All heavy atoms as atom14 arrays in JSON, in Angstrom:
{
  "sequence": "AGAGFQLGSEKFGALTVPVGPGNLEMQLQL",
  "atom14_mask": [
    [1, 1, 1, 1, 1, 0, 0, 0, 0, 0, 0, 0, 0, 0],
    [1, 1, 1, 1, 0, 0, 0, 0, 0, 0, 0, 0, 0, 0],
    [1, 1, 1, 1, 1, 0, 0, 0, 0, 0, 0, 0, 0, 0],
    [1, 1, 1, 1, 0, 0, 0, 0, 0, 0, 0, 0, 0, 0],
    [1, 1, 1, 1, 1, 1, 1, 1, 1, 1, 1, 0, 0, 0],
    [1, 1, 1, 1, 1, 1, 1, 1, 1, 0, 0, 0, 0, 0],
    [1, 1, 1, 1, 1, 1, 1, 1, 0, 0, 0, 0, 0, 0],
    [1, 1, 1, 1, 0, 0, 0, 0, 0, 0, 0, 0, 0, 0],
    [1, 1, 1, 1, 1, 1, 0, 0, 0, 0, 0, 0, 0, 0],
    [1, 1, 1, 1, 1, 1, 1, 1, 1, 0, 0, 0, 0, 0],
    [1, 1, 1, 1, 1, 1, 1, 1, 1, 0, 0, 0, 0, 0],
    [1, 1, 1, 1, 1, 1, 1, 1, 1, 1, 1, 0, 0, 0],
    [1, 1, 1, 1, 0, 0, 0, 0, 0, 0, 0, 0, 0, 0],
    [1, 1, 1, 1, 1, 0, 0, 0, 0, 0, 0, 0, 0, 0],
    [1, 1, 1, 1, 1, 1, 1, 1, 0, 0, 0, 0, 0, 0],
    [1, 1, 1, 1, 1, 1, 1, 0, 0, 0, 0, 0, 0, 0],
    [1, 1, 1, 1, 1, 1, 1, 0, 0, 0, 0, 0, 0, 0],
    [1, 1, 1, 1, 1, 1, 1, 0, 0, 0, 0, 0, 0, 0],
    [1, 1, 1, 1, 1, 1, 1, 0, 0, 0, 0, 0, 0, 0],
    [1, 1, 1, 1, 0, 0, 0, 0, 0, 0, 0, 0, 0, 0],
    [1, 1, 1, 1, 1, 1, 1, 0, 0, 0, 0, 0, 0, 0],
    [1, 1, 1, 1, 0, 0, 0, 0, 0, 0, 0, 0, 0, 0],
    [1, 1, 1, 1, 1, 1, 1, 1, 0, 0, 0, 0, 0, 0],
    [1, 1, 1, 1, 1, 1, 1, 1, 0, 0, 0, 0, 0, 0],
    [1, 1, 1, 1, 1, 1, 1, 1, 1, 0, 0, 0, 0, 0],
    [1, 1, 1, 1, 1, 1, 1, 1, 0, 0, 0, 0, 0, 0],
    [1, 1, 1, 1, 1, 1, 1, 1, 1, 0, 0, 0, 0, 0],
    [1, 1, 1, 1, 1, 1, 1, 1, 0, 0, 0, 0, 0, 0],
    [1, 1, 1, 1, 1, 1, 1, 1, 1, 0, 0, 0, 0, 0],
    [1, 1, 1, 1, 1, 1, 1, 1, 0, 0, 0, 0, 0, 0]
  ],
  "atom14_positions": [
    [[114.41, 80.62, 75.56], [113.18, 81.13, 74.95], [111.93, 80.54, 75.57], [111.04, 81.26, 76.05], [113.2, 80.87, 73.45], [0.0, 0.0, 0.0], [0.0, 0.0, 0.0], [0.0, 0.0, 0.0], [0.0, 0.0, 0.0], [0.0, 0.0, 0.0], [0.0, 0.0, 0.0], [0.0, 0.0, 0.0], [0.0, 0.0, 0.0], [0.0, 0.0, 0.0]],
    [[111.8, 79.21, 75.56], [110.58, 78.59, 76.07], [110.32, 78.93, 77.52], [109.21, 79.31, 77.9], [0.0, 0.0, 0.0], [0.0, 0.0, 0.0], [0.0, 0.0, 0.0], [0.0, 0.0, 0.0], [0.0, 0.0, 0.0], [0.0, 0.0, 0.0], [0.0, 0.0, 0.0], [0.0, 0.0, 0.0], [0.0, 0.0, 0.0], [0.0, 0.0, 0.0]],
    [[111.36, 78.82, 78.35], [111.21, 79.12, 79.77], [110.79, 80.57, 79.98], [109.94, 80.88, 80.82], [112.51, 78.83, 80.5], [0.0, 0.0, 0.0], [0.0, 0.0, 0.0], [0.0, 0.0, 0.0], [0.0, 0.0, 0.0], [0.0, 0.0, 0.0], [0.0, 0.0, 0.0], [0.0, 0.0, 0.0], [0.0, 0.0, 0.0], [0.0, 0.0, 0.0]],
    [[111.38, 81.49, 79.19], [111.06, 82.89, 79.35], [109.64, 83.23, 78.95], [108.93, 83.94, 79.68], [0.0, 0.0, 0.0], [0.0, 0.0, 0.0], [0.0, 0.0, 0.0], [0.0, 0.0, 0.0], [0.0, 0.0, 0.0], [0.0, 0.0, 0.0], [0.0, 0.0, 0.0], [0.0, 0.0, 0.0], [0.0, 0.0, 0.0], [0.0, 0.0, 0.0]],
    [[109.22, 82.75, 77.8], [107.85, 83.01, 77.37], [106.85, 82.44, 78.36], [105.81, 83.04, 78.64], [107.62, 82.41, 75.98], [108.09, 83.29, 74.85], [109.24, 82.99, 74.15], [107.38, 84.42, 74.48], [109.68, 83.79, 73.1], [107.8, 85.23, 73.44], [108.96, 84.92, 72.75], [0.0, 0.0, 0.0], [0.0, 0.0, 0.0], [0.0, 0.0, 0.0]],
    [[107.15, 81.26, 78.91], [106.24, 80.64, 79.87], [106.22, 81.41, 81.19], [105.15, 81.67, 81.75], [106.61, 79.18, 80.1], [105.65, 78.47, 81.05], [105.84, 76.97, 81.07], [106.38, 76.4, 80.14], [105.36, 76.34, 82.13], [0.0, 0.0, 0.0], [0.0, 0.0, 0.0], [0.0, 0.0, 0.0], [0.0, 0.0, 0.0], [0.0, 0.0, 0.0]],
    [[107.4, 81.76, 81.71], [107.47, 82.55, 82.94], [106.63, 83.82, 82.83], [105.85, 84.15, 83.72], [108.92, 82.95, 83.22], [109.83, 81.99, 83.96], [111.27, 82.51, 83.91], [109.4, 81.82, 85.41], [0.0, 0.0, 0.0], [0.0, 0.0, 0.0], [0.0, 0.0, 0.0], [0.0, 0.0, 0.0], [0.0, 0.0, 0.0], [0.0, 0.0, 0.0]],
    [[106.81, 84.53, 81.72], [106.11, 85.79, 81.54], [104.62, 85.62, 81.39], [103.82, 86.4, 81.94], [0.0, 0.0, 0.0], [0.0, 0.0, 0.0], [0.0, 0.0, 0.0], [0.0, 0.0, 0.0], [0.0, 0.0, 0.0], [0.0, 0.0, 0.0], [0.0, 0.0, 0.0], [0.0, 0.0, 0.0], [0.0, 0.0, 0.0], [0.0, 0.0, 0.0]],
    [[104.2, 84.6, 80.65], [102.78, 84.36, 80.44], [102.08, 84.02, 81.75], [100.98, 84.49, 82.04], [102.58, 83.22, 79.43], [101.21, 82.96, 79.22], [0.0, 0.0, 0.0], [0.0, 0.0, 0.0], [0.0, 0.0, 0.0], [0.0, 0.0, 0.0], [0.0, 0.0, 0.0], [0.0, 0.0, 0.0], [0.0, 0.0, 0.0], [0.0, 0.0, 0.0]],
    [[102.75, 83.2, 82.56], [102.15, 82.82, 83.84], [102.11, 84.01, 84.8], [101.12, 84.2, 85.52], [102.94, 81.66, 84.44], [102.75, 80.37, 83.65], [103.73, 79.26, 84.02], [104.71, 79.55, 84.75], [103.52, 78.13, 83.56], [0.0, 0.0, 0.0], [0.0, 0.0, 0.0], [0.0, 0.0, 0.0], [0.0, 0.0, 0.0], [0.0, 0.0, 0.0]],
    [[103.17, 84.83, 84.83], [103.15, 86.03, 85.68], [102.08, 87.0, 85.2], [101.38, 87.62, 86.0], [104.52, 86.71, 85.68], [104.59, 87.91, 86.63], [106.0, 88.46, 86.71], [106.09, 89.63, 87.69], [105.82, 89.21, 89.08], [0.0, 0.0, 0.0], [0.0, 0.0, 0.0], [0.0, 0.0, 0.0], [0.0, 0.0, 0.0], [0.0, 0.0, 0.0]],
    [[101.94, 87.12, 83.88], [100.93, 88.0, 83.3], [99.52, 87.52, 83.62], [98.6, 88.31, 83.81], [101.14, 88.07, 81.78], [100.19, 88.98, 81.07], [100.38, 90.37, 81.12], [99.12, 88.47, 80.36], [99.49, 91.21, 80.46], [98.23, 89.32, 79.7], [98.42, 90.69, 79.75], [0.0, 0.0, 0.0], [0.0, 0.0, 0.0], [0.0, 0.0, 0.0]],
    [[99.36, 86.19, 83.68], [98.06, 85.63, 84.05], [97.27, 85.04, 82.91], [96.06, 84.79, 83.05], [0.0, 0.0, 0.0], [0.0, 0.0, 0.0], [0.0, 0.0, 0.0], [0.0, 0.0, 0.0], [0.0, 0.0, 0.0], [0.0, 0.0, 0.0], [0.0, 0.0, 0.0], [0.0, 0.0, 0.0], [0.0, 0.0, 0.0], [0.0, 0.0, 0.0]],
    [[97.92, 84.77, 81.78], [97.23, 84.15, 80.64], [97.35, 82.63, 80.71], [98.32, 82.1, 81.26], [97.82, 84.66, 79.33], [0.0, 0.0, 0.0], [0.0, 0.0, 0.0], [0.0, 0.0, 0.0], [0.0, 0.0, 0.0], [0.0, 0.0, 0.0], [0.0, 0.0, 0.0], [0.0, 0.0, 0.0], [0.0, 0.0, 0.0], [0.0, 0.0, 0.0]],
    [[96.38, 81.93, 80.13], [96.5, 80.48, 80.0], [97.64, 80.17, 79.06], [97.72, 80.72, 77.97], [95.19, 79.89, 79.47], [95.05, 78.37, 79.44], [93.59, 77.96, 79.53], [95.67, 77.76, 78.19], [0.0, 0.0, 0.0], [0.0, 0.0, 0.0], [0.0, 0.0, 0.0], [0.0, 0.0, 0.0], [0.0, 0.0, 0.0], [0.0, 0.0, 0.0]],
    [[98.53, 79.29, 79.48], [99.75, 79.01, 78.73], [99.72, 77.6, 78.16], [99.42, 76.64, 78.88], [100.99, 79.18, 79.64], [100.93, 80.45, 80.27], [102.27, 79.06, 78.85], [0.0, 0.0, 0.0], [0.0, 0.0, 0.0], [0.0, 0.0, 0.0], [0.0, 0.0, 0.0], [0.0, 0.0, 0.0], [0.0, 0.0, 0.0], [0.0, 0.0, 0.0]],
    [[100.04, 77.49, 76.87], [100.09, 76.19, 76.17], [101.54, 75.96, 75.75], [101.97, 76.39, 74.69], [99.15, 76.18, 74.94], [99.1, 74.79, 74.32], [97.75, 76.66, 75.32], [0.0, 0.0, 0.0], [0.0, 0.0, 0.0], [0.0, 0.0, 0.0], [0.0, 0.0, 0.0], [0.0, 0.0, 0.0], [0.0, 0.0, 0.0], [0.0, 0.0, 0.0]],
    [[102.35, 75.27, 76.58], [103.79, 75.15, 76.32], [104.13, 73.97, 75.42], [104.54, 72.91, 75.88], [104.36, 74.96, 77.73], [103.28, 74.24, 78.47], [101.97, 74.68, 77.88], [0.0, 0.0, 0.0], [0.0, 0.0, 0.0], [0.0, 0.0, 0.0], [0.0, 0.0, 0.0], [0.0, 0.0, 0.0], [0.0, 0.0, 0.0], [0.0, 0.0, 0.0]],
    [[104.03, 74.15, 74.11], [104.23, 73.05, 73.16], [105.7, 72.85, 72.81], [106.16, 71.72, 72.65], [103.42, 73.29, 71.86], [103.48, 72.06, 70.96], [101.97, 73.63, 72.18], [0.0, 0.0, 0.0], [0.0, 0.0, 0.0], [0.0, 0.0, 0.0], [0.0, 0.0, 0.0], [0.0, 0.0, 0.0], [0.0, 0.0, 0.0], [0.0, 0.0, 0.0]],
    [[106.46, 73.94, 72.69], [107.81, 73.83, 72.17], [107.8, 73.86, 70.66], [106.75, 73.98, 70.02], [0.0, 0.0, 0.0], [0.0, 0.0, 0.0], [0.0, 0.0, 0.0], [0.0, 0.0, 0.0], [0.0, 0.0, 0.0], [0.0, 0.0, 0.0], [0.0, 0.0, 0.0], [0.0, 0.0, 0.0], [0.0, 0.0, 0.0], [0.0, 0.0, 0.0]],
    [[108.97, 73.75, 70.02], [109.04, 73.86, 68.55], [108.65, 72.55, 67.88], [108.58, 71.49, 68.51], [110.52, 74.17, 68.32], [111.22, 73.46, 69.44], [110.29, 73.56, 70.63], [0.0, 0.0, 0.0], [0.0, 0.0, 0.0], [0.0, 0.0, 0.0], [0.0, 0.0, 0.0], [0.0, 0.0, 0.0], [0.0, 0.0, 0.0], [0.0, 0.0, 0.0]],
    [[108.42, 72.64, 66.56], [108.15, 71.43, 65.78], [106.77, 70.86, 66.0], [105.87, 71.5, 66.54], [0.0, 0.0, 0.0], [0.0, 0.0, 0.0], [0.0, 0.0, 0.0], [0.0, 0.0, 0.0], [0.0, 0.0, 0.0], [0.0, 0.0, 0.0], [0.0, 0.0, 0.0], [0.0, 0.0, 0.0], [0.0, 0.0, 0.0], [0.0, 0.0, 0.0]],
    [[106.59, 69.59, 65.58], [105.34, 68.83, 65.75], [104.14, 69.64, 65.27], [103.25, 70.01, 66.04], [105.17, 68.43, 67.22], [104.26, 67.22, 67.36], [103.39, 67.0, 66.53], [104.47, 66.45, 68.41], [0.0, 0.0, 0.0], [0.0, 0.0, 0.0], [0.0, 0.0, 0.0], [0.0, 0.0, 0.0], [0.0, 0.0, 0.0], [0.0, 0.0, 0.0]],
    [[104.1, 69.88, 63.97], [103.05, 70.73, 63.4], [101.65, 70.19, 63.65], [100.71, 70.95, 63.89], [103.28, 70.9, 61.89], [104.39, 71.86, 61.49], [104.57, 71.86, 59.99], [104.08, 73.26, 61.99], [0.0, 0.0, 0.0], [0.0, 0.0, 0.0], [0.0, 0.0, 0.0], [0.0, 0.0, 0.0], [0.0, 0.0, 0.0], [0.0, 0.0, 0.0]],
    [[101.51, 68.87, 63.61], [100.18, 68.29, 63.82], [99.65, 68.64, 65.22], [98.49, 69.05, 65.38], [100.24, 66.77, 63.66], [98.87, 66.09, 63.78], [98.94, 64.59, 63.55], [100.0, 64.09, 63.14], [97.91, 63.92, 63.77], [0.0, 0.0, 0.0], [0.0, 0.0, 0.0], [0.0, 0.0, 0.0], [0.0, 0.0, 0.0], [0.0, 0.0, 0.0]],
    [[100.51, 68.51, 66.23], [100.1, 68.88, 67.59], [99.86, 70.38, 67.71], [98.91, 70.82, 68.36], [101.16, 68.44, 68.6], [100.79, 68.76, 70.05], [102.14, 68.44, 71.23], [102.27, 66.65, 71.07], [0.0, 0.0, 0.0], [0.0, 0.0, 0.0], [0.0, 0.0, 0.0], [0.0, 0.0, 0.0], [0.0, 0.0, 0.0], [0.0, 0.0, 0.0]],
    [[100.74, 71.16, 67.08], [100.59, 72.61, 67.13], [99.22, 73.02, 66.61], [98.5, 73.82, 67.24], [101.67, 73.3, 66.29], [103.1, 73.08, 66.75], [103.53, 73.98, 67.88], [102.74, 74.77, 68.41], [104.79, 73.87, 68.28], [0.0, 0.0, 0.0], [0.0, 0.0, 0.0], [0.0, 0.0, 0.0], [0.0, 0.0, 0.0], [0.0, 0.0, 0.0]],
    [[98.86, 72.5, 65.44], [97.6, 72.89, 64.81], [96.4, 72.4, 65.62], [95.4, 73.11, 65.76], [97.54, 72.35, 63.38], [98.59, 72.93, 62.42], [98.53, 72.21, 61.08], [98.38, 74.42, 62.22], [0.0, 0.0, 0.0], [0.0, 0.0, 0.0], [0.0, 0.0, 0.0], [0.0, 0.0, 0.0], [0.0, 0.0, 0.0], [0.0, 0.0, 0.0]],
    [[96.49, 71.18, 66.15], [95.38, 70.64, 66.93], [95.14, 71.46, 68.19], [94.0, 71.83, 68.51], [95.64, 69.18, 67.31], [94.5, 68.56, 68.11], [94.77, 67.11, 68.5], [95.77, 66.53, 68.1], [93.87, 66.53, 69.28], [0.0, 0.0, 0.0], [0.0, 0.0, 0.0], [0.0, 0.0, 0.0], [0.0, 0.0, 0.0], [0.0, 0.0, 0.0]],
    [[96.23, 71.75, 68.92], [96.08, 72.52, 70.15], [95.66, 73.95, 69.86], [94.89, 74.55, 70.62], [97.39, 72.5, 70.94], [97.71, 71.17, 71.63], [99.13, 71.19, 72.21], [96.7, 70.88, 72.73], [0.0, 0.0, 0.0], [0.0, 0.0, 0.0], [0.0, 0.0, 0.0], [0.0, 0.0, 0.0], [0.0, 0.0, 0.0], [0.0, 0.0, 0.0]]
  ]
}
């Protein structure tokens, strides 16, 4: 999942924030 979403986002050309699951505090801050 993570690798696929990142591959596609980078090919598409969007800025990618690869956080992964969990760590709600980091998720919300980023």
